[in-house]
N, C-alpha and C. Protein backbone atom coordinates (compact mmCIF):
# COMPACT_ATOMS: atom_id res chain seq x y z
N MET A 1 101.96 118.14 115.44
CA MET A 1 101.78 117.25 113.78
C MET A 1 100.42 116.94 114.15
N LEU A 2 99.44 117.02 112.66
CA LEU A 2 98.54 116.45 113.12
C LEU A 2 98.62 114.82 111.97
N VAL A 3 97.95 114.08 113.19
CA VAL A 3 99.01 112.31 112.12
C VAL A 3 96.75 112.03 111.85
N LEU A 4 96.63 111.79 110.52
CA LEU A 4 96.08 111.10 109.82
C LEU A 4 95.72 109.98 109.53
N THR A 5 94.73 108.92 109.67
CA THR A 5 94.89 107.92 108.85
C THR A 5 94.59 107.95 107.89
N ARG A 6 94.92 107.09 106.49
CA ARG A 6 94.05 107.23 105.79
C ARG A 6 94.61 105.83 104.54
N LYS A 7 93.55 105.22 104.12
CA LYS A 7 93.74 104.33 103.12
C LYS A 7 93.98 104.87 101.41
N VAL A 8 94.46 103.59 100.38
CA VAL A 8 94.84 103.74 99.10
C VAL A 8 93.54 104.55 99.00
N ASN A 9 93.66 105.78 97.82
CA ASN A 9 92.73 106.42 97.11
C ASN A 9 91.96 107.61 98.05
N GLU A 10 92.48 107.45 99.12
CA GLU A 10 92.01 108.40 100.41
C GLU A 10 93.20 109.20 100.36
N SER A 11 93.37 110.63 100.21
CA SER A 11 93.06 112.23 100.30
C SER A 11 93.31 112.99 101.36
N ILE A 12 93.54 114.29 101.94
CA ILE A 12 94.06 115.20 102.59
C ILE A 12 93.67 116.23 102.13
N ILE A 13 93.63 117.79 102.01
CA ILE A 13 93.83 118.60 101.22
C ILE A 13 94.37 119.47 102.19
N ILE A 14 95.39 120.15 102.00
CA ILE A 14 95.81 121.41 102.33
C ILE A 14 95.38 122.68 102.50
N GLY A 15 95.31 123.60 102.73
CA GLY A 15 94.55 124.69 101.84
C GLY A 15 93.99 125.03 100.51
N ASP A 16 93.31 125.53 99.99
CA ASP A 16 91.92 125.16 99.36
C ASP A 16 92.94 124.49 97.64
N GLN A 17 94.36 124.31 97.72
CA GLN A 17 94.83 124.41 96.65
C GLN A 17 95.63 122.67 96.10
N THR A 18 95.82 122.43 97.48
CA THR A 18 96.94 121.19 97.45
C THR A 18 96.25 120.13 98.31
N GLU A 19 96.45 119.37 97.39
CA GLU A 19 95.37 118.07 97.55
C GLU A 19 96.71 116.73 98.24
N VAL A 20 97.00 116.26 98.74
CA VAL A 20 97.66 114.30 99.30
C VAL A 20 97.05 113.35 99.05
N MET A 21 97.10 112.68 98.74
CA MET A 21 96.50 111.11 98.54
C MET A 21 97.22 109.85 98.60
N VAL A 22 96.96 108.90 98.36
CA VAL A 22 97.50 107.89 99.38
C VAL A 22 97.73 106.60 97.85
N VAL A 23 98.50 106.37 97.57
CA VAL A 23 98.07 105.89 95.99
C VAL A 23 98.38 104.51 96.12
N GLU A 24 99.26 103.58 97.31
CA GLU A 24 99.98 102.54 96.89
C GLU A 24 100.27 102.73 98.45
N ILE A 25 100.00 101.27 98.74
CA ILE A 25 100.98 101.48 99.84
C ILE A 25 101.02 99.31 99.28
N LYS A 26 102.97 99.48 99.95
CA LYS A 26 103.64 97.90 99.96
C LYS A 26 104.25 97.59 100.45
N GLY A 27 103.96 97.21 101.56
CA GLY A 27 105.02 96.83 102.71
C GLY A 27 105.10 97.12 103.62
N ASP A 28 106.58 98.31 103.54
CA ASP A 28 106.58 99.36 105.01
C ASP A 28 106.79 101.09 104.15
N GLN A 29 106.25 100.29 102.65
CA GLN A 29 106.56 102.07 102.05
C GLN A 29 105.24 102.26 101.32
N VAL A 30 104.74 103.70 102.14
CA VAL A 30 104.37 104.34 100.85
C VAL A 30 103.68 105.38 99.55
N LYS A 31 103.68 105.52 98.96
CA LYS A 31 103.74 106.05 97.78
C LYS A 31 102.25 107.11 97.45
N ILE A 32 102.49 108.65 97.69
CA ILE A 32 102.31 109.42 97.63
C ILE A 32 102.19 110.27 96.37
N GLY A 33 100.96 110.75 96.08
CA GLY A 33 100.06 112.16 94.84
C GLY A 33 100.42 113.41 95.76
N VAL A 34 100.86 114.65 94.85
CA VAL A 34 100.62 115.13 96.09
C VAL A 34 100.26 116.26 94.16
N ARG A 35 99.25 116.94 94.67
CA ARG A 35 98.97 117.89 93.41
C ARG A 35 98.73 119.17 94.24
N ALA A 36 99.30 120.32 93.17
CA ALA A 36 99.27 121.44 93.07
C ALA A 36 99.11 122.48 93.12
N PRO A 37 99.02 123.92 92.97
CA PRO A 37 100.06 124.55 92.07
C PRO A 37 101.34 124.85 91.36
N ARG A 38 101.26 124.86 90.01
CA ARG A 38 102.57 125.02 90.01
C ARG A 38 103.52 126.00 90.87
N ASP A 39 103.07 126.56 90.45
CA ASP A 39 104.28 127.72 91.91
C ASP A 39 104.17 127.62 93.34
N ILE A 40 103.90 126.55 93.31
CA ILE A 40 104.15 125.69 94.71
C ILE A 40 104.85 124.48 94.59
N THR A 41 106.42 124.20 95.53
CA THR A 41 107.30 123.63 95.28
C THR A 41 106.81 122.99 96.21
N VAL A 42 107.41 121.14 95.65
CA VAL A 42 106.92 120.33 96.82
C VAL A 42 108.32 119.29 96.64
N TYR A 43 109.12 119.13 97.88
CA TYR A 43 110.08 118.74 97.65
C TYR A 43 109.68 117.10 98.46
N ARG A 44 111.22 116.47 98.72
CA ARG A 44 111.09 115.00 99.71
C ARG A 44 111.84 115.58 100.75
N GLY A 45 111.38 115.53 102.28
CA GLY A 45 111.86 116.53 103.23
C GLY A 45 113.04 116.37 103.51
N GLU A 46 113.91 115.32 102.53
CA GLU A 46 116.17 114.74 102.98
C GLU A 46 116.14 116.48 102.19
N ILE A 47 115.79 116.14 101.45
CA ILE A 47 116.59 117.47 100.19
C ILE A 47 116.06 118.84 100.26
N TYR A 48 114.82 118.24 101.07
CA TYR A 48 114.81 120.10 101.16
C TYR A 48 115.33 120.81 103.34
N LYS A 49 116.13 119.29 103.78
CA LYS A 49 116.87 119.87 104.79
C LYS A 49 118.06 120.18 104.07
N GLU A 50 118.80 119.76 103.21
CA GLU A 50 119.57 119.94 102.17
C GLU A 50 120.24 121.24 101.50
N ILE A 51 118.93 121.28 100.99
CA ILE A 51 118.91 123.24 100.42
C ILE A 51 118.89 124.09 101.54
N GLN A 52 118.31 122.84 102.95
CA GLN A 52 118.24 124.57 103.34
C GLN A 52 119.80 124.67 103.57
N LYS A 53 120.88 123.43 104.23
CA LYS A 53 121.54 123.87 104.64
C LYS A 53 122.55 123.97 103.90
N GLU A 54 122.87 124.16 102.35
CA GLU A 54 123.31 124.66 101.64
C GLU A 54 123.41 125.53 101.63
N ASN A 55 121.68 126.87 102.27
CA ASN A 55 121.83 128.97 102.25
C ASN A 55 122.60 128.55 103.10
N ILE A 56 122.54 127.83 103.99
CA ILE A 56 122.88 128.76 105.35
C ILE A 56 124.45 128.74 104.45
N ALA A 57 125.46 127.45 104.64
CA ALA A 57 126.05 127.52 104.61
C ALA A 57 127.43 128.50 103.11
N ALA A 58 126.57 128.96 101.93
CA ALA A 58 126.13 130.00 101.27
C ALA A 58 126.37 131.62 102.01
N ALA A 59 125.23 131.57 102.52
CA ALA A 59 125.11 132.97 103.03
C ALA A 59 126.54 133.06 104.70
N GLN A 60 126.99 131.94 104.66
CA GLN A 60 127.76 132.75 106.25
C GLN A 60 129.30 132.59 105.40
N SER A 61 129.52 132.66 103.68
CA SER A 61 130.58 132.46 103.35
C SER A 61 131.08 134.09 102.98
N GLU A 62 132.23 133.41 103.49
CA GLU A 62 133.06 135.17 103.35
C GLU A 62 132.64 135.65 102.18
N ILE A 63 132.95 136.83 102.01
CA ILE A 63 132.84 137.36 101.04
C ILE A 63 133.97 138.83 100.72
N PRO A 64 134.40 138.06 100.07
CA PRO A 64 135.85 139.42 99.43
C PRO A 64 135.71 140.99 99.55
N ALA A 65 137.08 140.89 100.18
CA ALA A 65 137.16 142.01 101.06
C ALA A 65 136.89 142.98 99.83
N ASP A 66 137.00 143.06 98.64
CA ASP A 66 137.75 144.02 97.30
C ASP A 66 136.03 144.06 96.34
N ILE A 67 134.94 143.11 97.12
CA ILE A 67 133.46 142.99 96.37
C ILE A 67 133.28 144.05 95.84
N GLY A 68 133.61 145.09 96.57
CA GLY A 68 133.18 147.13 95.96
C GLY A 68 133.36 146.62 94.66
N ALA A 69 134.34 147.00 94.61
CA ALA A 69 135.98 147.33 93.71
C ALA A 69 135.27 145.95 92.72
N MET A 70 135.21 144.51 92.99
CA MET A 70 134.42 143.93 91.90
C MET A 70 133.42 144.33 91.06
N ILE A 71 132.99 144.82 91.43
CA ILE A 71 131.00 145.50 91.09
C ILE A 71 130.84 146.51 90.38
N ALA A 72 131.82 147.75 90.72
CA ALA A 72 132.22 149.12 89.81
C ALA A 72 132.99 148.58 88.80
N LYS A 73 134.02 148.09 88.92
CA LYS A 73 134.80 147.06 87.48
C LYS A 73 133.60 147.07 86.57
N LYS A 74 132.67 145.63 86.57
CA LYS A 74 132.45 145.14 85.73
C LYS A 74 130.61 146.13 85.55
N LYS A 75 130.31 147.51 86.57
CA LYS A 75 129.60 148.11 85.75
C LYS A 75 129.97 149.38 84.91
N LYS A 76 131.97 149.34 84.77
CA LYS A 76 132.26 150.34 83.89
C LYS A 76 132.47 149.50 82.21
N LYS A 77 132.41 148.22 82.76
CA LYS A 77 132.08 147.54 81.31
C LYS A 77 131.53 147.90 80.21
């Protein structure tokens, strides 16, 4: 992990198009701003972990044994 020290209004650049800036420091909270292309998704760490957990659970869920019949039935309509 790269650890950098930044002051308010200082930033770091990730790649060619993503900038992370320290906007405000108040007590033990730091507000940061992220400037990135619209096609880049930006999540808070805890939200990203929850999304990954849900994706894994969905991938491991049981598929009905007659899924092929259900798909064929839909196509006939």
